[in-house]
Amino acid sequence: MRILDGPLPFNIRIFIFFLILSIFSACKSKTGVAIHEKSQEQESHYLNFEGLPNDFKTFYQKFHTDSVFQMEHIVFPLEGLPDHADPEDVRKDAYYYTADQWVLHTSFDRNDNVIYYINMANVIIEERIQEKKYQLMIIRRFAKASGGWRLIYYGGLNKYTANQ
């Protein structure tokens, strides 16, 4: 049986999706830990939780309240950055979380954090959680696949820099 004789198997489709996503991500940033400053044009892409698709909001609530559901909806090994990453190390080697080292996520306190979202065509939603006091940030990316929403990237608590 050849792969091209029918629809691609799910694991091949996921691999291709993440390969394209990785290439896109690599082209966006020049170095490891970075985000772009918001221009007026980009400002309209930053949303609050209420502006997100209903299926994502339902997923998001369950993701933070049901530990089994959370583990089932993370693509391991999960690409990301560890907390307090050294930008020099990030450029050398990719970092991946494994299921056995994952710390379950609960809801983030909106009184201590500024949380906003970037919705990329209702297929990928990037969440940025910025701690108010020290300006440290967490970045998470969720992607919608045939099996529903999944966490596909987790950048731990870091001081992200602009203009990279």
Protein backbone atom coordinates (compact mmCIF):
# COMPACT_ATOMS: atom_id res chain seq x y z
CA MET A 1 0.00 0.00 0.00
CA ARG A 2 1.34 3.38 -0.96
CA ILE A 3 0.67 6.49 1.14
CA LEU A 4 -0.70 8.37 -1.86
CA ASP A 5 -3.37 5.72 -2.65
CA GLY A 6 -5.85 7.29 -0.23
CA PRO A 7 -6.17 9.88 2.47
CA LEU A 8 -3.05 10.39 4.54
CA PRO A 9 -3.01 8.69 7.94
CA PHE A 10 -3.76 10.99 10.87
CA ASN A 11 -0.20 10.85 12.27
CA ILE A 12 1.25 11.85 8.88
CA ARG A 13 -1.19 14.79 8.63
CA ILE A 14 -0.26 15.92 12.16
CA PHE A 15 3.45 15.63 11.32
CA ILE A 16 3.02 17.72 8.16
CA PHE A 17 0.96 20.30 10.07
CA PHE A 18 3.62 20.70 12.76
CA LEU A 19 6.41 20.74 10.19
CA ILE A 20 4.74 23.66 8.41
CA LEU A 21 4.05 25.34 11.74
CA SER A 22 7.68 24.92 12.81
CA ILE A 23 8.94 26.37 9.55
CA PHE A 24 6.56 29.30 9.91
CA SER A 25 7.68 29.88 13.51
CA ALA A 26 11.36 29.67 12.59
CA CYS A 27 10.89 32.25 9.85
CA LYS A 28 9.11 34.66 12.20
CA SER A 29 11.77 35.09 14.87
CA LYS A 30 15.45 35.86 14.48
CA THR A 31 16.43 34.52 17.89
CA GLY A 32 14.89 32.45 20.66
CA VAL A 33 12.80 34.28 23.21
CA ALA A 34 11.02 37.08 21.40
CA ILE A 35 7.70 38.69 20.56
CA HIS A 36 6.87 41.57 18.29
CA GLU A 37 5.75 44.92 19.59
CA LYS A 38 2.13 45.62 18.77
CA SER A 39 1.62 48.04 15.89
CA GLN A 40 -1.73 49.73 15.32
CA GLU A 41 -2.41 47.28 12.50
CA GLN A 42 -1.66 44.26 14.71
CA GLU A 43 -3.66 45.63 17.65
CA SER A 44 -6.93 44.47 16.09
CA HIS A 45 -5.72 40.85 16.16
CA TYR A 46 -5.35 40.82 19.96
CA LEU A 47 -8.56 39.55 21.53
CA ASN A 48 -10.01 38.99 24.94
CA PHE A 49 -11.49 35.61 25.87
CA GLU A 50 -15.02 36.59 24.85
CA GLY A 51 -13.90 37.23 21.26
CA LEU A 52 -12.81 33.60 20.73
CA PRO A 53 -14.79 30.81 19.00
CA ASN A 54 -17.32 29.05 21.25
CA ASP A 55 -15.80 25.60 20.70
CA PHE A 56 -12.44 26.91 21.88
CA LYS A 57 -13.96 28.52 24.99
CA THR A 58 -15.65 25.22 25.90
CA PHE A 59 -12.38 23.33 25.35
CA TYR A 60 -10.41 25.92 27.34
CA GLN A 61 -12.68 25.66 30.39
CA LYS A 62 -12.49 21.86 30.43
CA PHE A 63 -8.72 21.89 29.78
CA HIS A 64 -8.19 23.76 33.06
CA THR A 65 -10.63 21.75 35.20
CA ASP A 66 -10.18 18.14 34.03
CA SER A 67 -6.65 16.73 34.37
CA VAL A 68 -7.31 13.63 32.24
CA PHE A 69 -8.80 15.80 29.48
CA GLN A 70 -5.80 18.12 29.68
CA MET A 71 -3.28 15.31 29.26
CA GLU A 72 -5.27 13.86 26.34
CA HIS A 73 -5.25 17.24 24.58
CA ILE A 74 -1.53 17.98 24.62
CA VAL A 75 0.70 16.92 21.76
CA PHE A 76 3.71 15.27 23.48
CA PRO A 77 6.58 15.75 23.10
CA LEU A 78 5.43 19.38 23.41
CA GLU A 79 7.67 22.01 21.86
CA GLY A 80 8.35 25.07 23.95
CA LEU A 81 10.68 26.89 26.31
CA PRO A 82 11.42 26.10 29.93
CA ASP A 83 10.85 28.73 32.61
CA HIS A 84 13.61 31.36 32.76
CA ALA A 85 15.20 30.19 29.51
CA ASP A 86 18.56 31.58 28.50
CA PRO A 87 18.16 33.06 24.99
CA GLU A 88 21.62 31.77 24.06
CA ASP A 89 20.63 28.17 24.90
CA VAL A 90 17.31 28.49 23.09
CA ARG A 91 19.01 29.24 19.79
CA LYS A 92 21.15 26.10 20.04
CA ASP A 93 18.68 23.37 20.92
CA ALA A 94 14.93 22.91 20.73
CA TYR A 95 13.20 22.16 24.02
CA TYR A 96 10.40 19.64 24.47
CA TYR A 97 8.17 18.80 27.43
CA THR A 98 7.29 15.15 28.02
CA ALA A 99 4.13 13.84 29.64
CA ASP A 100 5.99 12.65 32.75
CA GLN A 101 7.40 16.13 33.46
CA TRP A 102 4.25 18.10 32.66
CA VAL A 103 2.79 20.22 35.48
CA LEU A 104 -0.97 20.48 35.12
CA HIS A 105 -2.30 23.91 34.28
CA THR A 106 -5.18 25.50 36.14
CA SER A 107 -6.86 28.80 35.35
CA PHE A 108 -4.70 31.90 35.59
CA ASP A 109 -5.72 34.74 37.94
CA ARG A 110 -6.82 37.69 35.82
CA ASN A 111 -6.16 40.08 38.71
CA ASP A 112 -2.41 39.32 38.63
CA ASN A 113 -2.07 38.81 34.87
CA VAL A 114 -2.92 40.47 31.58
CA ILE A 115 -4.21 37.78 29.23
CA TYR A 116 -4.81 38.25 25.54
CA TYR A 117 -5.21 36.04 22.48
CA ILE A 118 -4.27 36.04 18.83
CA ASN A 119 -6.71 34.10 16.67
CA MET A 120 -5.21 32.75 13.45
CA ALA A 121 -8.20 31.83 11.28
CA ASN A 122 -9.90 29.81 14.07
CA VAL A 123 -7.22 27.11 13.55
CA ILE A 124 -4.45 28.31 15.86
CA ILE A 125 -4.99 30.46 18.93
CA GLU A 126 -2.01 31.93 20.72
CA GLU A 127 -2.49 32.93 24.33
CA ARG A 128 -0.13 35.37 26.06
CA ILE A 129 -0.30 35.59 29.83
CA GLN A 130 1.75 38.48 31.17
CA GLU A 131 2.39 38.73 34.90
CA LYS A 132 1.75 42.37 35.89
CA LYS A 133 4.37 42.86 38.60
CA TYR A 134 7.55 41.61 36.88
CA GLN A 135 6.38 41.65 33.24
CA LEU A 136 7.15 37.95 32.77
CA MET A 137 5.08 36.11 30.19
CA ILE A 138 3.84 32.64 29.30
CA ILE A 139 2.97 31.84 25.69
CA ARG A 140 0.72 28.94 24.76
CA ARG A 141 -0.49 27.89 21.33
CA PHE A 142 -3.54 25.77 20.73
CA ALA A 143 -4.41 24.20 17.37
CA LYS A 144 -7.65 22.78 16.08
CA ALA A 145 -7.35 19.38 14.43
CA SER A 146 -9.88 16.72 13.49
CA GLY A 147 -9.85 15.51 17.12
CA GLY A 148 -10.58 18.98 18.51
CA TRP A 149 -8.35 21.58 20.14
CA ARG A 150 -4.89 20.64 21.43
CA LEU A 151 -2.02 22.44 23.15
CA ILE A 152 0.85 22.43 20.63
CA TYR A 153 3.35 24.88 22.20
CA TYR A 154 4.19 26.08 25.71
CA GLY A 155 6.72 28.84 26.34
CA GLY A 156 7.25 28.95 30.10
CA LEU A 157 7.54 32.03 32.29
CA ASN A 158 10.18 34.25 30.66
CA LYS A 159 11.11 37.85 30.01
CA TYR A 160 10.32 38.00 26.31
CA THR A 161 11.96 40.83 24.38
CA ALA A 162 10.48 42.91 21.58
CA ASN A 163 11.74 43.59 18.05
CA GLN A 164 12.97 40.08 17.28
